[in-house]
């Protein structure tokens, strides 16, 4: 794939970047060089290579996934001005 001057100007316009003709010509060469490096990646054989999330082998820290009520109802409700049976009591807003 190759980038031409009109493509650079179109992308700059979409990105809302003001680019002069001189800058656009320079960017055309730079973008073509970058795309050349990306095209080289297509030539690499990746059969049998597992996807990685990090370059260092890591295992995720896991916790038991279970339902609990937190056992903190008394602590939470202690901040409420009015409560009943571990529920916040609020004044009626809509009549």
N, C-alpha and C. Protein backbone atom coordinates (compact mmCIF):
# COMPACT_ATOMS: atom_id res chain seq x y z
N UNK A 1 0.84 -1.18 0.00
CA UNK A 1 0.00 0.00 0.00
C UNK A 1 0.88 1.23 0.00
N UNK A 2 0.44 2.22 -0.72
CA UNK A 2 1.20 3.45 -0.84
C UNK A 2 0.29 4.64 -0.57
N UNK A 3 0.85 5.65 0.05
CA UNK A 3 0.09 6.86 0.38
C UNK A 3 0.53 7.96 -0.55
N UNK A 4 -0.44 8.68 -1.12
CA UNK A 4 -0.09 9.81 -1.98
C UNK A 4 -0.45 11.12 -1.28
N UNK A 5 -0.15 12.22 -1.91
CA UNK A 5 -0.34 13.54 -1.32
C UNK A 5 -1.80 13.81 -0.99
N UNK A 6 -2.71 13.42 -1.87
CA UNK A 6 -4.13 13.68 -1.61
C UNK A 6 -4.63 12.87 -0.41
N UNK A 7 -4.11 11.67 -0.22
CA UNK A 7 -4.50 10.85 0.93
C UNK A 7 -4.02 11.50 2.23
N UNK A 8 -2.81 12.01 2.23
CA UNK A 8 -2.27 12.67 3.42
C UNK A 8 -3.12 13.89 3.77
N UNK A 9 -3.49 14.67 2.77
CA UNK A 9 -4.30 15.86 3.02
C UNK A 9 -5.70 15.47 3.50
N UNK A 10 -6.25 14.40 2.96
CA UNK A 10 -7.58 13.95 3.39
C UNK A 10 -7.55 13.48 4.84
N UNK A 11 -6.53 12.70 5.20
CA UNK A 11 -6.41 12.22 6.58
C UNK A 11 -6.18 13.39 7.52
N UNK A 12 -5.37 14.35 7.12
CA UNK A 12 -5.13 15.53 7.95
C UNK A 12 -6.43 16.30 8.15
N UNK A 13 -7.23 16.40 7.10
CA UNK A 13 -8.51 17.09 7.22
C UNK A 13 -9.46 16.35 8.16
N UNK A 14 -9.50 15.02 8.07
CA UNK A 14 -10.35 14.23 8.96
C UNK A 14 -9.91 14.36 10.41
N UNK A 15 -8.60 14.50 10.63
CA UNK A 15 -8.05 14.64 11.97
C UNK A 15 -8.07 16.09 12.44
N UNK A 16 -8.56 16.98 11.59
CA UNK A 16 -8.63 18.41 11.89
C UNK A 16 -7.24 18.99 12.19
N UNK A 17 -6.26 18.56 11.37
CA UNK A 17 -4.89 19.05 11.49
C UNK A 17 -4.57 19.88 10.27
N UNK A 18 -4.10 21.10 10.51
CA UNK A 18 -3.72 21.96 9.40
C UNK A 18 -2.32 21.57 8.94
N UNK A 19 -2.21 21.18 7.66
CA UNK A 19 -0.94 20.73 7.10
C UNK A 19 -0.66 21.51 5.83
N UNK A 20 0.53 22.11 5.76
CA UNK A 20 0.91 22.84 4.55
C UNK A 20 1.33 21.82 3.48
N UNK A 21 1.45 22.29 2.24
CA UNK A 21 1.87 21.41 1.14
C UNK A 21 3.25 20.81 1.40
N UNK A 22 4.15 21.63 1.95
CA UNK A 22 5.51 21.15 2.24
C UNK A 22 5.48 20.05 3.31
N UNK A 23 4.69 20.27 4.37
CA UNK A 23 4.56 19.26 5.42
C UNK A 23 3.90 17.99 4.89
N UNK A 24 2.90 18.15 4.02
CA UNK A 24 2.20 16.99 3.47
C UNK A 24 3.14 16.15 2.62
N UNK A 25 4.01 16.79 1.85
CA UNK A 25 4.96 16.03 1.03
C UNK A 25 5.94 15.25 1.92
N UNK A 26 6.40 15.88 3.00
CA UNK A 26 7.30 15.21 3.93
C UNK A 26 6.58 14.03 4.61
N UNK A 27 5.33 14.25 5.01
CA UNK A 27 4.56 13.20 5.68
C UNK A 27 4.26 12.04 4.74
N UNK A 28 4.12 12.31 3.47
CA UNK A 28 3.87 11.25 2.49
C UNK A 28 5.01 10.23 2.52
N UNK A 29 6.23 10.73 2.47
CA UNK A 29 7.40 9.84 2.53
C UNK A 29 7.48 9.09 3.85
N UNK A 30 7.23 9.79 4.96
CA UNK A 30 7.31 9.16 6.27
C UNK A 30 6.24 8.07 6.43
N UNK A 31 5.02 8.35 5.98
CA UNK A 31 3.96 7.36 6.10
C UNK A 31 4.21 6.15 5.21
N UNK A 32 4.77 6.37 4.03
CA UNK A 32 5.12 5.24 3.15
C UNK A 32 6.20 4.37 3.78
N UNK A 33 7.15 4.99 4.48
CA UNK A 33 8.19 4.22 5.18
C UNK A 33 7.57 3.38 6.29
N UNK A 34 6.67 3.97 7.06
CA UNK A 34 5.99 3.25 8.15
C UNK A 34 5.18 2.09 7.58
N UNK A 35 4.45 2.33 6.52
CA UNK A 35 3.64 1.27 5.92
C UNK A 35 4.52 0.16 5.35
N UNK A 36 5.73 0.51 4.90
CA UNK A 36 6.67 -0.50 4.43
C UNK A 36 7.08 -1.44 5.56
N UNK A 37 7.32 -0.88 6.75
CA UNK A 37 7.66 -1.71 7.90
C UNK A 37 6.50 -2.60 8.29
N UNK A 38 5.29 -2.08 8.23
CA UNK A 38 4.10 -2.87 8.56
C UNK A 38 3.93 -4.01 7.56
N UNK A 39 4.18 -3.76 6.29
CA UNK A 39 4.06 -4.81 5.28
C UNK A 39 5.09 -5.92 5.50
N UNK A 40 6.23 -5.59 6.08
CA UNK A 40 7.23 -6.61 6.38
C UNK A 40 6.71 -7.59 7.43
N UNK A 41 5.84 -7.14 8.30
CA UNK A 41 5.28 -8.02 9.33
C UNK A 41 4.43 -9.13 8.72
N UNK A 42 3.85 -8.88 7.55
CA UNK A 42 3.05 -9.92 6.89
C UNK A 42 3.91 -11.11 6.47
N UNK A 43 5.19 -10.90 6.30
CA UNK A 43 6.07 -11.97 5.84
C UNK A 43 6.51 -12.90 6.98
N UNK A 44 6.28 -12.51 8.22
CA UNK A 44 6.72 -13.30 9.36
C UNK A 44 5.78 -14.48 9.56
N UNK A 45 6.36 -15.67 9.74
CA UNK A 45 5.57 -16.88 9.98
C UNK A 45 5.21 -16.94 11.46
N UNK A 46 3.91 -16.89 11.76
CA UNK A 46 3.47 -16.90 13.16
C UNK A 46 2.65 -18.15 13.47
N UNK A 47 2.80 -19.20 12.68
CA UNK A 47 2.08 -20.44 12.94
C UNK A 47 2.54 -21.02 14.26
N UNK A 48 1.60 -21.36 15.13
CA UNK A 48 1.92 -21.98 16.41
C UNK A 48 2.35 -21.02 17.49
N UNK A 49 2.31 -19.72 17.22
CA UNK A 49 2.70 -18.73 18.22
C UNK A 49 1.44 -18.27 18.95
N UNK A 50 1.44 -18.43 20.27
CA UNK A 50 0.29 -18.03 21.07
C UNK A 50 0.28 -16.51 21.24
N UNK A 51 -0.90 -15.91 21.24
CA UNK A 51 -0.99 -14.47 21.50
C UNK A 51 -0.50 -14.14 22.90
N UNK A 52 0.13 -12.98 23.05
CA UNK A 52 0.67 -12.58 24.35
C UNK A 52 0.02 -11.29 24.82
N UNK A 53 -0.11 -11.15 26.13
CA UNK A 53 -0.56 -9.89 26.70
C UNK A 53 0.61 -9.14 27.32
N UNK A 54 1.73 -9.84 27.48
CA UNK A 54 2.93 -9.24 28.05
C UNK A 54 4.14 -10.01 27.55
N UNK A 55 5.31 -9.38 27.57
CA UNK A 55 6.52 -10.07 27.15
C UNK A 55 7.06 -10.94 28.26
N UNK A 56 6.55 -10.75 29.47
CA UNK A 56 6.97 -11.53 30.63
C UNK A 56 5.84 -12.47 31.00
N UNK A 57 6.15 -13.73 31.26
CA UNK A 57 5.13 -14.71 31.65
C UNK A 57 4.51 -14.30 32.98
N UNK A 58 3.19 -14.16 33.00
CA UNK A 58 2.49 -13.76 34.21
C UNK A 58 1.24 -14.59 34.35
N UNK A 59 0.83 -14.78 35.59
CA UNK A 59 -0.46 -15.42 35.81
C UNK A 59 -1.34 -14.43 36.55
N UNK A 60 -2.61 -14.47 36.22
CA UNK A 60 -3.54 -13.52 36.84
C UNK A 60 -3.84 -13.91 38.27
N UNK A 61 -3.94 -12.91 39.12
CA UNK A 61 -4.36 -13.16 40.49
C UNK A 61 -5.86 -13.37 40.46
N UNK A 62 -6.30 -14.46 41.04
CA UNK A 62 -7.71 -14.78 40.99
C UNK A 62 -8.27 -14.87 42.40
N UNK A 63 -9.54 -14.61 42.52
CA UNK A 63 -10.23 -14.76 43.79
C UNK A 63 -11.44 -15.65 43.55
N UNK A 64 -11.96 -16.17 44.62
CA UNK A 64 -13.14 -17.01 44.52
C UNK A 64 -14.31 -16.15 44.11
N UNK A 65 -15.03 -16.60 43.10
CA UNK A 65 -16.17 -15.84 42.60
C UNK A 65 -17.44 -16.39 43.25
N UNK A 66 -17.92 -15.71 44.25
CA UNK A 66 -19.11 -16.16 44.94
C UNK A 66 -19.92 -14.98 45.44
N UNK A 67 -21.18 -15.25 45.72
CA UNK A 67 -22.07 -14.20 46.21
C UNK A 67 -21.93 -14.06 47.72
N UNK A 68 -21.82 -12.83 48.17
CA UNK A 68 -21.88 -12.53 49.60
C UNK A 68 -22.62 -11.22 49.77
N UNK A 69 -23.11 -11.00 50.95
CA UNK A 69 -23.76 -9.71 51.21
C UNK A 69 -22.74 -8.73 51.78
N UNK A 70 -21.50 -9.13 51.91
CA UNK A 70 -20.44 -8.26 52.39
C UNK A 70 -20.29 -8.28 53.90
N UNK A 71 -21.31 -8.74 54.59
CA UNK A 71 -21.29 -8.78 56.06
C UNK A 71 -20.92 -7.45 56.67
N UNK A 72 -21.29 -6.35 56.04
CA UNK A 72 -20.97 -5.03 56.56
C UNK A 72 -22.21 -4.15 56.66
N UNK A 73 -23.38 -4.75 56.73
CA UNK A 73 -24.61 -3.97 56.75
C UNK A 73 -24.64 -3.01 57.94
N UNK A 74 -24.18 -3.46 59.09
CA UNK A 74 -24.20 -2.59 60.27
C UNK A 74 -23.28 -1.39 60.10
N UNK A 75 -22.10 -1.60 59.51
CA UNK A 75 -21.17 -0.50 59.28
C UNK A 75 -21.74 0.50 58.27
N UNK A 76 -22.34 -0.01 57.21
CA UNK A 76 -22.88 0.86 56.16
C UNK A 76 -24.05 1.67 56.68
N UNK A 77 -24.95 1.02 57.38
CA UNK A 77 -26.17 1.69 57.84
C UNK A 77 -25.88 2.65 59.01
N UNK A 78 -24.71 2.52 59.63
CA UNK A 78 -24.37 3.40 60.76
C UNK A 78 -24.27 4.86 60.32
N UNK A 79 -24.04 5.13 59.05
CA UNK A 79 -23.94 6.50 58.54
C UNK A 79 -25.30 7.10 58.21
N UNK A 80 -26.35 6.29 58.20
CA UNK A 80 -27.67 6.78 57.81
C UNK A 80 -28.31 7.52 58.97
N UNK A 81 -28.98 8.67 58.70
CA UNK A 81 -29.68 9.38 59.76
C UNK A 81 -30.85 8.56 60.30
N UNK A 82 -31.55 7.85 59.40
CA UNK A 82 -32.68 7.02 59.79
C UNK A 82 -32.59 5.69 59.05
N UNK A 83 -32.76 4.58 59.77
CA UNK A 83 -32.71 3.28 59.13
C UNK A 83 -33.68 2.34 59.82
N UNK A 84 -34.02 1.28 59.09
CA UNK A 84 -34.91 0.27 59.64
C UNK A 84 -34.59 -1.06 58.97
N UNK A 85 -34.33 -2.09 59.76
CA UNK A 85 -34.01 -3.43 59.25
C UNK A 85 -32.89 -3.40 58.20
N UNK A 86 -31.83 -2.65 58.49
CA UNK A 86 -30.67 -2.52 57.59
C UNK A 86 -31.03 -1.91 56.23
N UNK A 87 -32.02 -1.05 56.19
CA UNK A 87 -32.38 -0.30 54.98
C UNK A 87 -32.34 1.18 55.32
N UNK A 88 -31.93 2.00 54.34
CA UNK A 88 -31.98 3.44 54.51
C UNK A 88 -33.42 3.90 54.44
N UNK A 89 -33.82 4.78 55.34
CA UNK A 89 -35.15 5.37 55.31
C UNK A 89 -35.00 6.79 54.77
N UNK A 90 -35.76 7.10 53.74
CA UNK A 90 -35.69 8.43 53.13
C UNK A 90 -37.10 9.03 53.10
N UNK A 91 -37.20 10.35 53.13
CA UNK A 91 -38.53 10.96 53.06
C UNK A 91 -39.16 10.76 51.70
N UNK A 92 -40.46 10.75 51.68
CA UNK A 92 -41.21 10.58 50.46
C UNK A 92 -40.97 11.80 49.56
N UNK A 93 -40.64 11.58 48.31
CA UNK A 93 -40.30 12.68 47.41
C UNK A 93 -41.47 12.98 46.49
N UNK A 94 -42.12 11.95 45.96
CA UNK A 94 -43.23 12.14 45.03
C UNK A 94 -44.51 11.73 45.73
N UNK A 95 -45.51 12.59 45.62
CA UNK A 95 -46.79 12.26 46.25
C UNK A 95 -47.77 11.74 45.24
